[in-house]
PDB file of N, CA and C in Angstrom:
ATOM      1  N   MET A   1      39.050 -92.203  11.761  1.00  0.00           N
ATOM      2  CA  MET A   1      40.380 -91.719  11.449  1.00  0.00           C
ATOM      3  C   MET A   1      41.163 -91.406  12.728  1.00  0.00           C
ATOM      4  N   LYS A   2      40.464 -90.783  13.705  1.00  0.00           N
ATOM      5  CA  LYS A   2      41.123 -90.455  14.967  1.00  0.00           C
ATOM      6  C   LYS A   2      41.520 -91.721  15.720  1.00  0.00           C
ATOM      7  N   LYS A   3      40.710 -92.774  15.593  1.00  0.00           N
ATOM      8  CA  LYS A   3      41.012 -94.025  16.267  1.00  0.00           C
ATOM      9  C   LYS A   3      42.313 -94.626  15.742  1.00  0.00           C
ATOM     10  N   TYR A   4      42.492 -94.567  14.426  1.00  0.00           N
ATOM     11  CA  TYR A   4      43.715 -95.112  13.821  1.00  0.00           C
ATOM     12  C   TYR A   4      44.941 -94.304  14.239  1.00  0.00           C
ATOM     13  N   LEU A   5      44.781 -92.998  14.268  1.00  0.00           N
ATOM     14  CA  LEU A   5      45.885 -92.135  14.681  1.00  0.00           C
ATOM     15  C   LEU A   5      46.265 -92.412  16.132  1.00  0.00           C
ATOM     16  N   LEU A   6      45.264 -92.544  17.007  1.00  0.00           N
ATOM     17  CA  LEU A   6      45.531 -92.862  18.404  1.00  0.00           C
ATOM     18  C   LEU A   6      46.167 -94.240  18.554  1.00  0.00           C
ATOM     19  N   LEU A   7      45.704 -95.193  17.752  1.00  0.00           N
ATOM     20  CA  LEU A   7      46.256 -96.543  17.799  1.00  0.00           C
ATOM     21  C   LEU A   7      47.733 -96.543  17.391  1.00  0.00           C
ATOM     22  N   ILE A   8      48.055 -95.808  16.352  1.00  0.00           N
ATOM     23  CA  ILE A   8      49.447 -95.722  15.873  1.00  0.00           C
ATOM     24  C   ILE A   8      50.332 -95.043  16.922  1.00  0.00           C
ATOM     25  N   MET A   9      49.830 -93.965  17.513  1.00  0.00           N
ATOM     26  CA  MET A   9      50.616 -93.256  18.521  1.00  0.00           C
ATOM     27  C   MET A   9      50.827 -94.135  19.756  1.00  0.00           C
ATOM     28  N   ALA A  10      49.796 -94.871  20.155  1.00  0.00           N
ATOM     29  CA  ALA A  10      49.926 -95.759  21.312  1.00  0.00           C
ATOM     30  C   ALA A  10      50.927 -96.867  21.031  1.00  0.00           C
ATOM     31  N   ALA A  11      50.892 -97.422  19.819  1.00  0.00           N
ATOM     32  CA  ALA A  11      51.839 -98.480  19.455  1.00  0.00           C
ATOM     33  C   ALA A  11      53.272 -97.954  19.471  1.00  0.00           C
ATOM     34  N   ALA A  12      53.458 -96.717  19.032  1.00  0.00           N
ATOM     35  CA  ALA A  12      54.798 -96.134  19.023  1.00  0.00           C
ATOM     36  C   ALA A  12      55.312 -95.932  20.445  1.00  0.00           C
ATOM     37  N   LEU A  13      54.438 -95.520  21.349  1.00  0.00           N
ATOM     38  CA  LEU A  13      54.855 -95.315  22.730  1.00  0.00           C
ATOM     39  C   LEU A  13      55.141 -96.625  23.447  1.00  0.00           C
ATOM     40  N   ILE A  14      54.358 -97.653  23.153  1.00  0.00           N
ATOM     41  CA  ILE A  14      54.540 -98.942  23.800  1.00  0.00           C
ATOM     42  C   ILE A  14      55.830 -99.620  23.345  1.00  0.00           C
ATOM     43  N   SER A  15      56.131 -99.506  22.055  1.00  0.00           N
ATOM     44  CA  SER A  15      57.303-100.195  21.521  1.00  0.00           C
ATOM     45  C   SER A  15      58.607 -99.602  22.038  1.00  0.00           C
ATOM     46  N   GLY A  16      58.599 -98.363  22.478  1.00  0.00           N
ATOM     47  CA  GLY A  16      59.799 -97.740  23.028  1.00  0.00           C
ATOM     48  C   GLY A  16      60.689 -97.191  21.925  1.00  0.00           C
ATOM     49  N   PRO A  17      61.741 -96.503  22.319  1.00  0.00           N
ATOM     50  CA  PRO A  17      62.636 -95.896  21.334  1.00  0.00           C
ATOM     51  C   PRO A  17      63.449 -96.945  20.579  1.00  0.00           C
ATOM     52  N   VAL A  18      63.870 -96.565  19.395  1.00  0.00           N
ATOM     53  CA  VAL A  18      64.680 -97.439  18.557  1.00  0.00           C
ATOM     54  C   VAL A  18      66.131 -96.977  18.672  1.00  0.00           C
ATOM     55  N   TYR A  19      67.018 -97.911  18.954  1.00  0.00           N
ATOM     56  CA  TYR A  19      68.432 -97.597  19.117  1.00  0.00           C
ATOM     57  C   TYR A  19      69.240 -98.256  18.012  1.00  0.00           C
ATOM     58  N   ALA A  20      70.394 -97.652  17.727  1.00  0.00           N
ATOM     59  CA  ALA A  20      71.322 -98.257  16.780  1.00  0.00           C
ATOM     60  C   ALA A  20      71.963 -99.475  17.442  1.00  0.00           C
ATOM     61  N   LYS A  21      72.546-100.322  16.630  1.00  0.00           N
ATOM     62  CA  LYS A  21      73.233-101.503  17.167  1.00  0.00           C
ATOM     63  C   LYS A  21      74.355-101.073  18.093  1.00  0.00           C
ATOM     64  N   LYS A  22      74.502-101.795  19.169  1.00  0.00           N
ATOM     65  CA  LYS A  22      75.595-101.502  20.083  1.00  0.00           C
ATOM     66  C   LYS A  22      76.890-102.026  19.492  1.00  0.00           C
ATOM     67  N   ASP A  23      77.964-101.283  19.760  1.00  0.00           N
ATOM     68  CA  ASP A  23      79.278-101.716  19.312  1.00  0.00           C
ATOM     69  C   ASP A  23      79.697-102.940  20.109  1.00  0.00           C
ATOM     70  N   LYS A  24      80.224-103.940  19.441  1.00  0.00           N
ATOM     71  CA  LYS A  24      80.644-105.165  20.103  1.00  0.00           C
ATOM     72  C   LYS A  24      81.969-104.993  20.840  1.00  0.00           C
ATOM     73  N   GLY A  25      82.504-103.785  20.822  1.00  0.00           N
ATOM     74  CA  GLY A  25      83.768-103.569  21.519  1.00  0.00           C
ATOM     75  C   GLY A  25      84.964-103.809  20.620  1.00  0.00           C
ATOM     76  N   GLY A  26      84.729-103.969  19.320  1.00  0.00           N
ATOM     77  CA  GLY A  26      85.827-104.168  18.389  1.00  0.00           C
ATOM     78  C   GLY A  26      86.547-105.482  18.572  1.00  0.00           C
ATOM     79  N   ALA A  27      85.820-106.526  18.899  1.00  0.00           N
ATOM     80  CA  ALA A  27      86.447-107.828  19.114  1.00  0.00           C
ATOM     81  C   ALA A  27      87.077-108.339  17.823  1.00  0.00           C
ATOM     82  N   LEU A  28      88.216-108.939  17.959  1.00  0.00           N
ATOM     83  CA  LEU A  28      88.896-109.520  16.802  1.00  0.00           C
ATOM     84  C   LEU A  28      88.239-110.845  16.429  1.00  0.00           C
ATOM     85  N   PRO A  29      88.335-111.225  15.173  1.00  0.00           N
ATOM     86  CA  PRO A  29      87.864-112.556  14.790  1.00  0.00           C
ATOM     87  C   PRO A  29      88.647-113.630  15.567  1.00  0.00           C
ATOM     88  N   PRO A  30      88.041-114.809  15.768  1.00  0.00           N
ATOM     89  CA  PRO A  30      88.681-115.840  16.600  1.00  0.00           C
ATOM     90  C   PRO A  30      90.100-116.212  16.173  1.00  0.00           C
ATOM     91  N   GLY A  31      90.357-116.318  14.880  1.00  0.00           N
ATOM     92  CA  GLY A  31      91.696-116.687  14.414  1.00  0.00           C
ATOM     93  C   GLY A  31      92.735-115.635  14.761  1.00  0.00           C
ATOM     94  N   LEU A  32      92.363-114.339  14.585  1.00  0.00           N
ATOM     95  CA  LEU A  32      93.299-113.270  14.930  1.00  0.00           C
ATOM     96  C   LEU A  32      93.485-113.178  16.443  1.00  0.00           C
ATOM     97  N   GLN A  33      92.426-113.458  17.190  1.00  0.00           N
ATOM     98  CA  GLN A  33      92.545-113.423  18.648  1.00  0.00           C
ATOM     99  C   GLN A  33      93.542-114.480  19.126  1.00  0.00           C
ATOM    100  N   LYS A  34      93.508-115.675  18.534  1.00  0.00           N
ATOM    101  CA  LYS A  34      94.467-116.724  18.894  1.00  0.00           C
ATOM    102  C   LYS A  34      95.889-116.281  18.584  1.00  0.00           C
ATOM    103  N   LYS A  35      96.033-115.611  17.449  1.00  0.00           N
ATOM    104  CA  LYS A  35      97.352-115.134  17.045  1.00  0.00           C
ATOM    105  C   LYS A  35      97.886-114.102  18.043  1.00  0.00           C
ATOM    106  N   VAL A  36      97.037-113.192  18.463  1.00  0.00           N
ATOM    107  CA  VAL A  36      97.432-112.179  19.448  1.00  0.00           C
ATOM    108  C   VAL A  36      97.752-112.840  20.781  1.00  0.00           C
ATOM    109  N   ASN A  37      96.953-113.841  21.174  1.00  0.00           N
ATOM    110  CA  ASN A  37      97.197-114.539  22.436  1.00  0.00           C
ATOM    111  C   ASN A  37      98.552-115.246  22.447  1.00  0.00           C
ATOM    112  N   ARG A  38      99.001-115.707  21.282  1.00  0.00           N
ATOM    113  CA  ARG A  38     100.315-116.355  21.176  1.00  0.00           C
ATOM    114  C   ARG A  38     101.451-115.347  21.211  1.00  0.00           C
ATOM    115  N   GLY A  39     101.109-114.053  21.044  1.00  0.00           N
ATOM    116  CA  GLY A  39     102.138-113.016  21.054  1.00  0.00           C
ATOM    117  C   GLY A  39     102.572-112.591  19.660  1.00  0.00           C
ATOM    118  N   ASP A  40     101.915-113.128  18.626  1.00  0.00           N
ATOM    119  CA  ASP A  40     102.237-112.727  17.262  1.00  0.00           C
ATOM    120  C   ASP A  40     101.656-111.348  16.975  1.00  0.00           C
ATOM    121  N   SER A  41     102.163-110.698  15.931  1.00  0.00           N
ATOM    122  CA  SER A  41     101.663-109.375  15.571  1.00  0.00           C
ATOM    123  C   SER A  41     100.414-109.495  14.694  1.00  0.00           C
ATOM    124  N   LEU A  42      99.670-108.408  14.636  1.00  0.00           N
ATOM    125  CA  LEU A  42      98.473-108.383  13.802  1.00  0.00           C
ATOM    126  C   LEU A  42      98.857-108.247  12.331  1.00  0.00           C
ATOM    127  N   PRO A  43      98.021-108.739  11.422  1.00  0.00           N
ATOM    128  CA  PRO A  43      98.303-108.582   9.995  1.00  0.00           C
ATOM    129  C   PRO A  43      98.277-107.101   9.599  1.00  0.00           C
ATOM    130  N   PRO A  44      98.943-106.756   8.487  1.00  0.00           N
ATOM    131  CA  PRO A  44      99.009-105.351   8.064  1.00  0.00           C
ATOM    132  C   PRO A  44      97.640-104.706   7.883  1.00  0.00           C
ATOM    133  N   GLY A  45      96.653-105.450   7.431  1.00  0.00           N
ATOM    134  CA  GLY A  45      95.313-104.891   7.227  1.00  0.00           C
ATOM    135  C   GLY A  45      94.708-104.376   8.519  1.00  0.00           C
ATOM    136  N   TRP A  46      94.931-105.070   9.626  1.00  0.00           N
ATOM    137  CA  TRP A  46      94.403-104.633  10.913  1.00  0.00           C
ATOM    138  C   TRP A  46      95.218-103.473  11.456  1.00  0.00           C
ATOM    139  N   GLN A  47      96.494-103.433  11.148  1.00  0.00           N
ATOM    140  CA  GLN A  47      97.321-102.328  11.606  1.00  0.00           C
ATOM    141  C   GLN A  47      96.915-101.032  10.907  1.00  0.00           C
ATOM    142  N   LYS A  48      96.452-101.134   9.656  1.00  0.00           N
ATOM    143  CA  LYS A  48      96.051 -99.944   8.915  1.00  0.00           C
ATOM    144  C   LYS A  48      94.765 -99.342   9.460  1.00  0.00           C
ATOM    145  N   LYS A  49      94.015-100.085  10.253  1.00  0.00           N
ATOM    146  CA  LYS A  49      92.792 -99.560  10.839  1.00  0.00           C
ATOM    147  C   LYS A  49      93.081 -98.533  11.924  1.00  0.00           C
ATOM    148  N   LEU A  50      94.320 -98.439  12.333  1.00  0.00           N
ATOM    149  CA  LEU A  50      94.689 -97.458  13.343  1.00  0.00           C
ATOM    150  C   LEU A  50      94.777 -96.093  12.683  1.00  0.00           C
ATOM    151  N   GLN A  51      93.793 -95.247  12.961  1.00  0.00           N
ATOM    152  CA  GLN A  51      93.742 -93.914  12.379  1.00  0.00           C
ATOM    153  C   GLN A  51      93.504 -92.888  13.471  1.00  0.00           C
ATOM    154  N   LYS A  52      94.022 -91.697  13.259  1.00  0.00           N
ATOM    155  CA  LYS A  52      93.849 -90.610  14.202  1.00  0.00           C
ATOM    156  C   LYS A  52      92.356 -90.318  14.370  1.00  0.00           C
ATOM    157  N   GLY A  53      91.892 -90.248  15.608  1.00  0.00           N
ATOM    158  CA  GLY A  53      90.486 -89.986  15.891  1.00  0.00           C
ATOM    159  C   GLY A  53      89.658 -91.243  16.080  1.00  0.00           C
ATOM    160  N   ALA A  54      90.166 -92.405  15.647  1.00  0.00           N
ATOM    161  CA  ALA A  54      89.447 -93.667  15.798  1.00  0.00           C
ATOM    162  C   ALA A  54      89.694 -94.238  17.189  1.00  0.00           C
ATOM    163  N   THR A  55      88.842 -95.170  17.585  1.00  0.00           N
ATOM    164  CA  THR A  55      89.010 -95.846  18.870  1.00  0.00           C
ATOM    165  C   THR A  55      89.772 -97.148  18.653  1.00  0.00           C
ATOM    166  N   MET A  56      90.830 -97.328  19.403  1.00  0.00           N
ATOM    167  CA  MET A  56      91.644 -98.533  19.280  1.00  0.00           C
ATOM    168  C   MET A  56      90.919 -99.703  19.939  1.00  0.00           C
ATOM    169  N   GLU A  57      90.918-100.851  19.272  1.00  0.00           N
ATOM    170  CA  GLU A  57      90.305-102.044  19.840  1.00  0.00           C
ATOM    171  C   GLU A  57      91.054-102.459  21.101  1.00  0.00           C
ATOM    172  N   ARG A  58      90.311-103.015  22.031  1.00  0.00           N
ATOM    173  CA  ARG A  58      90.892-103.417  23.318  1.00  0.00           C
ATOM    174  C   ARG A  58      92.022-104.430  23.127  1.00  0.00           C
ATOM    175  N   GLU A  59      91.841-105.385  22.206  1.00  0.00           N
ATOM    176  CA  GLU A  59      92.857-106.416  21.989  1.00  0.00           C
ATOM    177  C   GLU A  59      94.162-105.817  21.476  1.00  0.00           C
ATOM    178  N   VAL A  60      94.054-104.819  20.604  1.00  0.00           N
ATOM    179  CA  VAL A  60      95.254-104.165  20.081  1.00  0.00           C
ATOM    180  C   VAL A  60      95.930-103.380  21.201  1.00  0.00           C
ATOM    181  N   TYR A  61      95.122-102.701  22.009  1.00  0.00           N
ATOM    182  CA  TYR A  61      95.668-101.934  23.136  1.00  0.00           C
ATOM    183  C   TYR A  61      96.411-102.849  24.108  1.00  0.00           C
ATOM    184  N   GLU A  62      95.832-103.989  24.407  1.00  0.00           N
ATOM    185  CA  GLU A  62      96.452-104.920  25.345  1.00  0.00           C
ATOM    186  C   GLU A  62      97.722-105.542  24.778  1.00  0.00           C
ATOM    187  N   GLN A  63      97.844-105.584  23.457  1.00  0.00           N
ATOM    188  CA  GLN A  63      99.043-106.136  22.822  1.00  0.00           C
ATOM    189  C   GLN A  63     100.210-105.150  22.913  1.00  0.00           C
ATOM    190  N   GLY A  64      99.911-103.855  23.021  1.00  0.00           N
ATOM    191  CA  GLY A  64     100.949-102.830  23.040  1.00  0.00           C
ATOM    192  C   GLY A  64     101.686-102.762  24.355  1.00  0.00           C
ATOM    193  N   THR A  65     102.849-102.108  24.319  1.00  0.00           N
ATOM    194  CA  THR A  65     103.631-101.886  25.534  1.00  0.00           C
ATOM    195  C   THR A  65     103.685-100.390  25.817  1.00  0.00           C
ATOM    196  N   VAL A  66     103.563-100.022  27.066  1.00  0.00           N
ATOM    197  CA  VAL A  66     103.548 -98.614  27.464  1.00  0.00           C
ATOM    198  C   VAL A  66     104.954 -98.042  27.366  1.00  0.00           C
ATOM    199  N   ILE A  67     105.083 -96.943  26.639  1.00  0.00           N
ATOM    200  CA  ILE A  67     106.367 -96.252  26.507  1.00  0.00           C
ATOM    201  C   ILE A  67     106.414 -95.069  27.465  1.00  0.00           C
ATOM    202  N   LYS A  68     105.302 -94.322  27.515  1.00  0.00           N
ATOM    203  CA  LYS A  68     105.219 -93.155  28.376  1.00  0.00           C
ATOM    204  C   LYS A  68     103.886 -93.222  29.124  1.00  0.00           C
ATOM    205  N   PRO A  69     103.912 -93.184  30.455  1.00  0.00           N
ATOM    206  CA  PRO A  69     102.667 -93.314  31.221  1.00  0.00           C
ATOM    207  C   PRO A  69     101.728 -92.129  31.005  1.00  0.00           C
ATOM    208  N   VAL A  70     100.562 -92.226  31.593  1.00  0.00           N
ATOM    209  CA  VAL A  70      99.527 -91.205  31.435  1.00  0.00           C
ATOM    210  C   VAL A  70     100.032 -89.856  31.927  1.00  0.00           C
ATOM    211  N   ASP A  71      99.810 -88.809  31.101  1.00  0.00           N
ATOM    212  CA  ASP A  71     100.210 -87.464  31.508  1.00  0.00           C
ATOM    213  C   ASP A  71      99.020 -86.725  32.122  1.00  0.00           C
ATOM    214  N   ALA A  72      99.166 -85.435  32.376  1.00  0.00           N
ATOM    215  CA  ALA A  72      98.117 -84.644  33.026  1.00  0.00           C
ATOM    216  C   ALA A  72      96.850 -84.547  32.184  1.00  0.00           C
ATOM    217  N   LYS A  73      96.978 -84.679  30.876  1.00  0.00           N
ATOM    218  CA  LYS A  73      95.817 -84.591  29.981  1.00  0.00           C
ATOM    219  C   LYS A  73      95.125 -85.938  29.793  1.00  0.00           C
ATOM    220  N   GLY A  74      95.677 -86.993  30.347  1.00  0.00           N
ATOM    221  CA  GLY A  74      95.087 -88.316  30.211  1.00  0.00           C
ATOM    222  C   GLY A  74      95.566 -89.069  28.987  1.00  0.00           C
ATOM    223  N   VAL A  75      96.668 -88.608  28.381  1.00  0.00           N
ATOM    224  CA  VAL A  75      97.215 -89.234  27.169  1.00  0.00           C
ATOM    225  C   VAL A  75      98.309 -90.227  27.562  1.00  0.00           C
ATOM    226  N   ILE A  76      98.265 -91.395  26.970  1.00  0.00           N
ATOM    227  CA  ILE A  76      99.267 -92.432  27.196  1.00  0.00           C
ATOM    228  C   ILE A  76      99.944 -92.738  25.859  1.00  0.00           C
ATOM    229  N   THR A  77     101.205 -93.080  25.884  1.00  0.00           N
ATOM    230  CA  THR A  77     101.939 -93.431  24.674  1.00  0.00           C
ATOM    231  C   THR A  77     102.302 -94.906  24.747  1.00  0.00           C
ATOM    232  N   ILE A  78     101.883 -95.662  23.707  1.00  0.00           N
ATOM    233  CA  ILE A  78     102.187 -97.097  23.659  1.00  0.00           C
ATOM    234  C   ILE A  78     102.834 -97.438  22.325  1.00  0.00           C
ATOM    235  N   LYS A  79     103.455 -98.612  22.304  1.00  0.00           N
ATOM    236  CA  LYS A  79     104.067 -99.110  21.077  1.00  0.00           C
ATOM    237  C   LYS A  79     103.374-100.417  20.719  1.00  0.00           C
ATOM    238  N   VAL A  80     102.825-100.468  19.490  1.00  0.00           N
ATOM    239  CA  VAL A  80     102.195-101.673  18.964  1.00  0.00           C
ATOM    240  C   VAL A  80     102.977-102.057  17.719  1.00  0.00           C
ATOM    241  N   ASP A  81     103.612-103.217  17.759  1.00  0.00           N
ATOM    242  CA  ASP A  81     104.517-103.658  16.701  1.00  0.00           C
ATOM    243  C   ASP A  81     105.571-102.587  16.484  1.00  0.00           C
ATOM    244  N   SER A  82     105.601-101.927  15.340  1.00  0.00           N
ATOM    245  CA  SER A  82     106.640-100.925  15.077  1.00  0.00           C
ATOM    246  C   SER A  82     106.106 -99.502  15.161  1.00  0.00           C
ATOM    247  N   LYS A  83     104.833 -99.320  15.551  1.00  0.00           N
ATOM    248  CA  LYS A  83     104.230 -97.993  15.602  1.00  0.00           C
ATOM    249  C   LYS A  83     104.133 -97.495  17.035  1.00  0.00           C
ATOM    250  N   VAL A  84     104.388 -96.198  17.199  1.00  0.00           N
ATOM    251  CA  VAL A  84     104.214 -95.536  18.479  1.00  0.00           C
ATOM    252  C   VAL A  84     102.932 -94.726  18.380  1.00  0.00           C
ATOM    253  N   ILE A  85     102.034 -94.951  19.332  1.00  0.00           N
ATOM    254  CA  ILE A  85     100.705 -94.355  19.256  1.00  0.00           C
ATOM    255  C   ILE A  85     100.406 -93.625  20.557  1.00  0.00           C
ATOM    256  N   ARG A  86      99.908 -92.397  20.433  1.00  0.00           N
ATOM    257  CA  ARG A  86      99.460 -91.628  21.594  1.00  0.00           C
ATOM    258  C   ARG A  86      97.942 -91.682  21.595  1.00  0.00           C
ATOM    259  N   LEU A  87      97.345 -92.038  22.740  1.00  0.00           N
ATOM    260  CA  LEU A  87      95.893 -92.115  22.813  1.00  0.00           C
ATOM    261  C   LEU A  87      95.383 -91.732  24.184  1.00  0.00           C
ATOM    262  N   MET A  88      94.095 -91.412  24.233  1.00  0.00           N
ATOM    263  CA  MET A  88      93.449 -91.091  25.504  1.00  0.00           C
ATOM    264  C   MET A  88      93.295 -92.390  26.276  1.00  0.00           C
ATOM    265  N   LYS A  89      93.754 -92.434  27.489  1.00  0.00           N
ATOM    266  CA  LYS A  89      93.723 -93.652  28.300  1.00  0.00           C
ATOM    267  C   LYS A  89      92.288 -94.106  28.565  1.00  0.00           C
ATOM    268  N   ALA A  90      91.396 -93.182  28.897  1.00  0.00           N
ATOM    269  CA  ALA A  90      90.035 -93.537  29.303  1.00  0.00           C
ATOM    270  C   ALA A  90      89.203 -94.085  28.145  1.00  0.00           C
ATOM    271  N   THR A  91      89.342 -93.514  26.950  1.00  0.00           N
ATOM    272  CA  THR A  91      88.474 -93.887  25.823  1.00  0.00           C
ATOM    273  C   THR A  91      89.200 -94.670  24.740  1.00  0.00           C
ATOM    274  N   ARG A  92      90.502 -94.754  24.799  1.00  0.00           N
ATOM    275  CA  ARG A  92      91.342 -95.388  23.776  1.00  0.00           C
ATOM    276  C   ARG A  92      91.208 -94.685  22.419  1.00  0.00           C
ATOM    277  N   GLU A  93      90.841 -93.400  22.427  1.00  0.00           N
ATOM    278  CA  GLU A  93      90.771 -92.617  21.192  1.00  0.00           C
ATOM    279  C   GLU A  93      92.186 -92.245  20.773  1.00  0.00           C
ATOM    280  N   ILE A  94      92.537 -92.507  19.525  1.00  0.00           N
ATOM    281  CA  ILE A  94      93.895 -92.262  19.029  1.00  0.00           C
ATOM    282  C   ILE A  94      94.084 -90.762  18.797  1.00  0.00           C
ATOM    283  N   VAL A  95      95.096 -90.204  19.465  1.00  0.00           N
ATOM    284  CA  VAL A  95      95.404 -88.780  19.343  1.00  0.00           C
ATOM    285  C   VAL A  95      96.426 -88.565  18.233  1.00  0.00           C
ATOM    286  N   ASP A  96      97.434 -89.430  18.174  1.00  0.00           N
ATOM    287  CA  ASP A  96      98.499 -89.255  17.196  1.00  0.00           C
ATOM    288  C   ASP A  96      99.182 -90.606  16.945  1.00  0.00           C
ATOM    289  N   ILE A  97      99.640 -90.797  15.721  1.00  0.00           N
ATOM    290  CA  ILE A  97     100.388 -92.006  15.357  1.00  0.00           C
ATOM    291  C   ILE A  97     101.765 -91.569  14.888  1.00  0.00           C
ATOM    292  N   LEU A  98     102.774 -92.065  15.559  1.00  0.00           N
ATOM    293  CA  LEU A  98     104.155 -91.729  15.221  1.00  0.00           C
ATOM    294  C   LEU A  98     104.822 -92.938  14.575  1.00  0.00           C
ATOM    295  N   GLN A  99     105.732 -92.705  13.676  1.00  0.00           N
ATOM    296  CA  GLN A  99     106.431 -93.798  13.006  1.00  0.00           C
ATOM    297  C   GLN A  99     107.715 -94.130  13.718  1.00  0.00           C
TER     298      GLN A  99
END
């Protein structure tokens, strides 16, 4: 019995820790990426994914235009399509969404 317990513990140590899947960085599907590259706006379904506290995808951030540069707290204000969004510059975490 002790041999089996030692064998199981050794196998657990050898296999290493188990991690959750890494985030892919919020990449857009290829068709939407082409649309963004052409300068078109994102479909309404993707725009609705913008929620306070969520992390904005890099592609959406790059599509936006800066309205107000980074302030002392690290917050930047950008405009994506018709929405004005305040977010943390370093993490792209959405602080506030203005209409």
